[in-house]
PDB file of N, CA and C in Angstrom:
ATOM      1  N   MET A   1      13.798 -15.900   7.025  1.00  0.00           N
ATOM      2  CA  MET A   1      14.821 -14.919   7.312  1.00  0.00           C
ATOM      3  C   MET A   1      15.667 -14.731   6.055  1.00  0.00           C
ATOM      4  N   LEU A   2      15.947 -13.520   5.723  1.00  0.00           N
ATOM      5  CA  LEU A   2      16.786 -13.205   4.574  1.00  0.00           C
ATOM      6  C   LEU A   2      18.210 -12.936   5.032  1.00  0.00           C
ATOM      7  N   TYR A   3      19.162 -13.284   4.179  1.00  0.00           N
ATOM      8  CA  TYR A   3      20.565 -13.068   4.519  1.00  0.00           C
ATOM      9  C   TYR A   3      21.240 -12.284   3.400  1.00  0.00           C
ATOM     10  N   THR A   4      22.196 -11.483   3.764  1.00  0.00           N
ATOM     11  CA  THR A   4      22.970 -10.748   2.770  1.00  0.00           C
ATOM     12  C   THR A   4      23.981 -11.686   2.137  1.00  0.00           C
ATOM     13  N   PHE A   5      24.724 -11.168   1.185  1.00  0.00           N
ATOM     14  CA  PHE A   5      25.769 -11.930   0.503  1.00  0.00           C
ATOM     15  C   PHE A   5      26.776 -12.494   1.495  1.00  0.00           C
ATOM     16  N   PHE A   6      27.008 -11.778   2.589  1.00  0.00           N
ATOM     17  CA  PHE A   6      28.011 -12.193   3.578  1.00  0.00           C
ATOM     18  C   PHE A   6      27.418 -13.042   4.692  1.00  0.00           C
ATOM     19  N   GLY A   7      26.124 -13.384   4.602  1.00  0.00           N
ATOM     20  CA  GLY A   7      25.498 -14.230   5.604  1.00  0.00           C
ATOM     21  C   GLY A   7      24.899 -13.473   6.770  1.00  0.00           C
ATOM     22  N   ASP A   8      24.945 -12.138   6.743  1.00  0.00           N
ATOM     23  CA  ASP A   8      24.360 -11.350   7.814  1.00  0.00           C
ATOM     24  C   ASP A   8      22.840 -11.335   7.676  1.00  0.00           C
ATOM     25  N   LYS A   9      22.160 -11.155   8.784  1.00  0.00           N
ATOM     26  CA  LYS A   9      20.701 -11.101   8.750  1.00  0.00           C
ATOM     27  C   LYS A   9      20.239  -9.772   8.166  1.00  0.00           C
ATOM     28  N   MET A  10      19.353  -9.858   7.202  1.00  0.00           N
ATOM     29  CA  MET A  10      18.799  -8.674   6.570  1.00  0.00           C
ATOM     30  C   MET A  10      17.333  -8.559   6.974  1.00  0.00           C
ATOM     31  N   LYS A  11      16.872  -7.331   7.205  1.00  0.00           N
ATOM     32  CA  LYS A  11      15.482  -7.088   7.557  1.00  0.00           C
ATOM     33  C   LYS A  11      14.864  -6.190   6.495  1.00  0.00           C
ATOM     34  N   VAL A  12      13.529  -6.156   6.480  1.00  0.00           N
ATOM     35  CA  VAL A  12      12.821  -5.272   5.553  1.00  0.00           C
ATOM     36  C   VAL A  12      11.804  -4.433   6.311  1.00  0.00           C
ATOM     37  N   LYS A  13      11.562  -3.241   5.779  1.00  0.00           N
ATOM     38  CA  LYS A  13      10.557  -2.324   6.325  1.00  0.00           C
ATOM     39  C   LYS A  13       9.750  -1.812   5.144  1.00  0.00           C
ATOM     40  N   VAL A  14       8.419  -1.867   5.228  1.00  0.00           N
ATOM     41  CA  VAL A  14       7.548  -1.347   4.188  1.00  0.00           C
ATOM     42  C   VAL A  14       6.866  -0.095   4.722  1.00  0.00           C
ATOM     43  N   ILE A  15       6.947   0.979   3.955  1.00  0.00           N
ATOM     44  CA  ILE A  15       6.306   2.245   4.318  1.00  0.00           C
ATOM     45  C   ILE A  15       5.362   2.606   3.184  1.00  0.00           C
ATOM     46  N   ASP A  16       4.120   2.942   3.524  1.00  0.00           N
ATOM     47  CA  ASP A  16       3.086   3.245   2.543  1.00  0.00           C
ATOM     48  C   ASP A  16       2.426   4.573   2.895  1.00  0.00           C
ATOM     49  N   GLU A  17       2.384   5.493   1.936  1.00  0.00           N
ATOM     50  CA  GLU A  17       1.800   6.817   2.171  1.00  0.00           C
ATOM     51  C   GLU A  17       0.939   7.225   0.980  1.00  0.00           C
ATOM     52  N   GLY A  18       0.055   8.184   1.181  1.00  0.00           N
ATOM     53  CA  GLY A  18      -0.826   8.671   0.139  1.00  0.00           C
ATOM     54  C   GLY A  18      -0.269   9.837  -0.650  1.00  0.00           C
ATOM     55  N   HIS A  19       0.858  10.392  -0.216  1.00  0.00           N
ATOM     56  CA  HIS A  19       1.481  11.512  -0.927  1.00  0.00           C
ATOM     57  C   HIS A  19       2.987  11.313  -0.921  1.00  0.00           C
ATOM     58  N   GLU A  20       3.633  11.660  -2.036  1.00  0.00           N
ATOM     59  CA  GLU A  20       5.074  11.393  -2.147  1.00  0.00           C
ATOM     60  C   GLU A  20       5.911  12.143  -1.126  1.00  0.00           C
ATOM     61  N   SER A  21       5.509  13.333  -0.731  1.00  0.00           N
ATOM     62  CA  SER A  21       6.290  14.062   0.275  1.00  0.00           C
ATOM     63  C   SER A  21       6.177  13.406   1.656  1.00  0.00           C
ATOM     64  N   ASP A  22       5.024  12.794   1.948  1.00  0.00           N
ATOM     65  CA  ASP A  22       4.878  12.047   3.206  1.00  0.00           C
ATOM     66  C   ASP A  22       5.775  10.816   3.208  1.00  0.00           C
ATOM     67  N   LEU A  23       5.848  10.137   2.061  1.00  0.00           N
ATOM     68  CA  LEU A  23       6.726   8.968   1.950  1.00  0.00           C
ATOM     69  C   LEU A  23       8.180   9.382   2.133  1.00  0.00           C
ATOM     70  N   GLU A  24       8.553  10.479   1.501  1.00  0.00           N
ATOM     71  CA  GLU A  24       9.925  10.986   1.624  1.00  0.00           C
ATOM     72  C   GLU A  24      10.279  11.262   3.080  1.00  0.00           C
ATOM     73  N   ALA A  25       9.382  11.898   3.801  1.00  0.00           N
ATOM     74  CA  ALA A  25       9.633  12.220   5.210  1.00  0.00           C
ATOM     75  C   ALA A  25       9.770  10.954   6.055  1.00  0.00           C
ATOM     76  N   GLU A  26       8.901   9.971   5.827  1.00  0.00           N
ATOM     77  CA  GLU A  26       8.940   8.734   6.609  1.00  0.00           C
ATOM     78  C   GLU A  26      10.187   7.901   6.301  1.00  0.00           C
ATOM     79  N   VAL A  27      10.572   7.847   5.027  1.00  0.00           N
ATOM     80  CA  VAL A  27      11.788   7.105   4.659  1.00  0.00           C
ATOM     81  C   VAL A  27      13.011   7.772   5.272  1.00  0.00           C
ATOM     82  N   ASN A  28      13.105   9.092   5.172  1.00  0.00           N
ATOM     83  CA  ASN A  28      14.249   9.804   5.760  1.00  0.00           C
ATOM     84  C   ASN A  28      14.308   9.613   7.270  1.00  0.00           C
ATOM     85  N   LYS A  29      13.154   9.610   7.938  1.00  0.00           N
ATOM     86  CA  LYS A  29      13.117   9.395   9.386  1.00  0.00           C
ATOM     87  C   LYS A  29      13.608   7.989   9.724  1.00  0.00           C
ATOM     88  N   PHE A  30      13.158   6.987   8.957  1.00  0.00           N
ATOM     89  CA  PHE A  30      13.548   5.603   9.236  1.00  0.00           C
ATOM     90  C   PHE A  30      15.033   5.372   8.995  1.00  0.00           C
ATOM     91  N   ILE A  31      15.558   5.865   7.880  1.00  0.00           N
ATOM     92  CA  ILE A  31      16.962   5.575   7.559  1.00  0.00           C
ATOM     93  C   ILE A  31      17.942   6.404   8.382  1.00  0.00           C
ATOM     94  N   SER A  32      17.446   7.390   9.118  1.00  0.00           N
ATOM     95  CA  SER A  32      18.342   8.152   9.993  1.00  0.00           C
ATOM     96  C   SER A  32      18.605   7.414  11.304  1.00  0.00           C
ATOM     97  N   GLY A  33      17.941   6.277  11.489  1.00  0.00           N
ATOM     98  CA  GLY A  33      18.127   5.483  12.699  1.00  0.00           C
ATOM     99  C   GLY A  33      19.423   4.696  12.662  1.00  0.00           C
ATOM    100  N   ASN A  34      19.545   3.725  13.540  1.00  0.00           N
ATOM    101  CA  ASN A  34      20.761   2.934  13.715  1.00  0.00           C
ATOM    102  C   ASN A  34      20.760   1.735  12.758  1.00  0.00           C
ATOM    103  N   ILE A  35      20.740   2.014  11.435  1.00  0.00           N
ATOM    104  CA  ILE A  35      20.689   0.950  10.445  1.00  0.00           C
ATOM    105  C   ILE A  35      21.669   1.216   9.307  1.00  0.00           C
ATOM    106  N   ASP A  36      22.013   0.157   8.593  1.00  0.00           N
ATOM    107  CA  ASP A  36      22.761   0.241   7.346  1.00  0.00           C
ATOM    108  C   ASP A  36      21.799  -0.154   6.235  1.00  0.00           C
ATOM    109  N   VAL A  37      21.505   0.770   5.333  1.00  0.00           N
ATOM    110  CA  VAL A  37      20.577   0.503   4.240  1.00  0.00           C
ATOM    111  C   VAL A  37      21.283  -0.325   3.169  1.00  0.00           C
ATOM    112  N   ILE A  38      20.644  -1.412   2.760  1.00  0.00           N
ATOM    113  CA  ILE A  38      21.160  -2.255   1.691  1.00  0.00           C
ATOM    114  C   ILE A  38      20.567  -1.804   0.353  1.00  0.00           C
ATOM    115  N   ASP A  39      19.246  -1.585   0.334  1.00  0.00           N
ATOM    116  CA  ASP A  39      18.575  -1.178  -0.899  1.00  0.00           C
ATOM    117  C   ASP A  39      17.213  -0.590  -0.555  1.00  0.00           C
ATOM    118  N   ILE A  40      16.694   0.250  -1.448  1.00  0.00           N
ATOM    119  CA  ILE A  40      15.348   0.799  -1.312  1.00  0.00           C
ATOM    120  C   ILE A  40      14.646   0.622  -2.654  1.00  0.00           C
ATOM    121  N   LYS A  41      13.470   0.006  -2.624  1.00  0.00           N
ATOM    122  CA  LYS A  41      12.636  -0.169  -3.817  1.00  0.00           C
ATOM    123  C   LYS A  41      11.408   0.728  -3.663  1.00  0.00           C
ATOM    124  N   LEU A  42      11.073   1.458  -4.718  1.00  0.00           N
ATOM    125  CA  LEU A  42       9.927   2.359  -4.691  1.00  0.00           C
ATOM    126  C   LEU A  42       8.855   1.876  -5.654  1.00  0.00           C
ATOM    127  N   SER A  43       7.587   2.113  -5.280  1.00  0.00           N
ATOM    128  CA  SER A  43       6.469   1.729  -6.126  1.00  0.00           C
ATOM    129  C   SER A  43       5.371   2.777  -6.008  1.00  0.00           C
ATOM    130  N   THR A  44       4.684   3.011  -7.113  1.00  0.00           N
ATOM    131  CA  THR A  44       3.560   3.938  -7.133  1.00  0.00           C
ATOM    132  C   THR A  44       2.383   3.258  -7.813  1.00  0.00           C
ATOM    133  N   SER A  45       1.195   3.420  -7.232  1.00  0.00           N
ATOM    134  CA  SER A  45      -0.002   2.904  -7.882  1.00  0.00           C
ATOM    135  C   SER A  45      -1.112   3.932  -7.762  1.00  0.00           C
ATOM    136  N   CYS A  46      -2.082   3.816  -8.659  1.00  0.00           N
ATOM    137  CA  CYS A  46      -3.185   4.769  -8.699  1.00  0.00           C
ATOM    138  C   CYS A  46      -4.476   4.003  -8.940  1.00  0.00           C
ATOM    139  N   ALA A  47      -5.526   4.416  -8.259  1.00  0.00           N
ATOM    140  CA  ALA A  47      -6.847   3.823  -8.457  1.00  0.00           C
ATOM    141  C   ALA A  47      -7.865   4.951  -8.593  1.00  0.00           C
ATOM    142  N   VAL A  48      -8.955   4.666  -9.271  1.00  0.00           N
ATOM    143  CA  VAL A  48     -10.022   5.651  -9.432  1.00  0.00           C
ATOM    144  C   VAL A  48     -11.229   5.172  -8.636  1.00  0.00           C
ATOM    145  N   TYR A  49     -11.726   6.036  -7.769  1.00  0.00           N
ATOM    146  CA  TYR A  49     -12.905   5.748  -6.960  1.00  0.00           C
ATOM    147  C   TYR A  49     -13.906   6.868  -7.214  1.00  0.00           C
ATOM    148  N   GLY A  50     -14.902   6.586  -8.030  1.00  0.00           N
ATOM    149  CA  GLY A  50     -15.823   7.635  -8.445  1.00  0.00           C
ATOM    150  C   GLY A  50     -15.072   8.632  -9.312  1.00  0.00           C
ATOM    151  N   GLU A  51     -15.078   9.878  -8.910  1.00  0.00           N
ATOM    152  CA  GLU A  51     -14.327  10.905  -9.631  1.00  0.00           C
ATOM    153  C   GLU A  51     -13.003  11.235  -8.953  1.00  0.00           C
ATOM    154  N   GLU A  52     -12.650  10.474  -7.939  1.00  0.00           N
ATOM    155  CA  GLU A  52     -11.431  10.726  -7.167  1.00  0.00           C
ATOM    156  C   GLU A  52     -10.323   9.764  -7.577  1.00  0.00           C
ATOM    157  N   GLN A  53      -9.100  10.279  -7.712  1.00  0.00           N
ATOM    158  CA  GLN A  53      -7.934   9.434  -7.946  1.00  0.00           C
ATOM    159  C   GLN A  53      -7.231   9.216  -6.617  1.00  0.00           C
ATOM    160  N   ILE A  54      -6.930   7.975  -6.322  1.00  0.00           N
ATOM    161  CA  ILE A  54      -6.259   7.621  -5.075  1.00  0.00           C
ATOM    162  C   ILE A  54      -4.865   7.107  -5.415  1.00  0.00           C
ATOM    163  N   TYR A  55      -3.855   7.743  -4.849  1.00  0.00           N
ATOM    164  CA  TYR A  55      -2.465   7.351  -5.102  1.00  0.00           C
ATOM    165  C   TYR A  55      -1.903   6.617  -3.892  1.00  0.00           C
ATOM    166  N   CYS A  56      -1.002   5.694  -4.172  1.00  0.00           N
ATOM    167  CA  CYS A  56      -0.325   4.941  -3.122  1.00  0.00           C
ATOM    168  C   CYS A  56       1.167   4.951  -3.446  1.00  0.00           C
ATOM    169  N   PHE A  57       1.957   5.522  -2.561  1.00  0.00           N
ATOM    170  CA  PHE A  57       3.411   5.585  -2.717  1.00  0.00           C
ATOM    171  C   PHE A  57       4.029   4.674  -1.665  1.00  0.00           C
ATOM    172  N   THR A  58       4.805   3.693  -2.111  1.00  0.00           N
ATOM    173  CA  THR A  58       5.323   2.668  -1.211  1.00  0.00           C
ATOM    174  C   THR A  58       6.835   2.532  -1.358  1.00  0.00           C
ATOM    175  N   ALA A  59       7.501   2.297  -0.229  1.00  0.00           N
ATOM    176  CA  ALA A  59       8.938   2.031  -0.217  1.00  0.00           C
ATOM    177  C   ALA A  59       9.192   0.739   0.546  1.00  0.00           C
ATOM    178  N   LEU A  60      10.015  -0.114  -0.020  1.00  0.00           N
ATOM    179  CA  LEU A  60      10.501  -1.316   0.647  1.00  0.00           C
ATOM    180  C   LEU A  60      11.977  -1.073   0.934  1.00  0.00           C
ATOM    181  N   ILE A  61      12.324  -1.033   2.202  1.00  0.00           N
ATOM    182  CA  ILE A  61      13.700  -0.752   2.611  1.00  0.00           C
ATOM    183  C   ILE A  61      14.323  -2.042   3.141  1.00  0.00           C
ATOM    184  N   MET A  62      15.420  -2.473   2.519  1.00  0.00           N
ATOM    185  CA  MET A  62      16.175  -3.622   2.989  1.00  0.00           C
ATOM    186  C   MET A  62      17.363  -3.090   3.782  1.00  0.00           C
ATOM    187  N   TYR A  63      17.541  -3.598   5.001  1.00  0.00           N
ATOM    188  CA  TYR A  63      18.550  -3.021   5.883  1.00  0.00           C
ATOM    189  C   TYR A  63      19.096  -4.039   6.868  1.00  0.00           C
ATOM    190  N   GLU A  64      20.170  -3.669   7.501  1.00  0.00           N
ATOM    191  CA  GLU A  64      20.743  -4.403   8.633  1.00  0.00           C
ATOM    192  C   GLU A  64      20.844  -3.436   9.804  1.00  0.00           C
ATOM    193  N   GLU A  65      20.622  -3.933  10.995  1.00  0.00           N
ATOM    194  CA  GLU A  65      20.805  -3.106  12.175  1.00  0.00           C
ATOM    195  C   GLU A  65      22.295  -2.995  12.463  1.00  0.00           C
ATOM    196  N   LYS A  66      22.741  -1.784  12.797  1.00  0.00           N
ATOM    197  CA  LYS A  66      24.156  -1.587  13.137  1.00  0.00           C
ATOM    198  C   LYS A  66      24.442  -2.199  14.485  1.00  0.00           C
ATOM    199  N   GLU A  67      25.642  -2.727  14.624  1.00  0.00           N
ATOM    200  CA  GLU A  67      26.047  -3.258  15.917  1.00  0.00           C
ATOM    201  C   GLU A  67      26.466  -2.112  16.814  1.00  0.00           C
ATOM    202  N   SER A  68      26.123  -2.196  18.052  1.00  0.00           N
ATOM    203  CA  SER A  68      26.434  -1.133  19.018  1.00  0.00           C
ATOM    204  C   SER A  68      27.897  -1.075  19.368  1.00  0.00           C
TER     205      SER A  68
END
């Protein structure tokens, strides 16, 4: 379990998409929920399969759930 500086429980969510606009939509949908975002880390990777380039766009979202 991860804790914030103040000792609160922190959670993580990983979102992985094949196109940056899909990642953007999924991240915006997730952060519009009942959470407080602590940080977002982004990563991009590319692989070649035959003559095709395969992209991977990933976001790691660190957050706390809001109290009701």
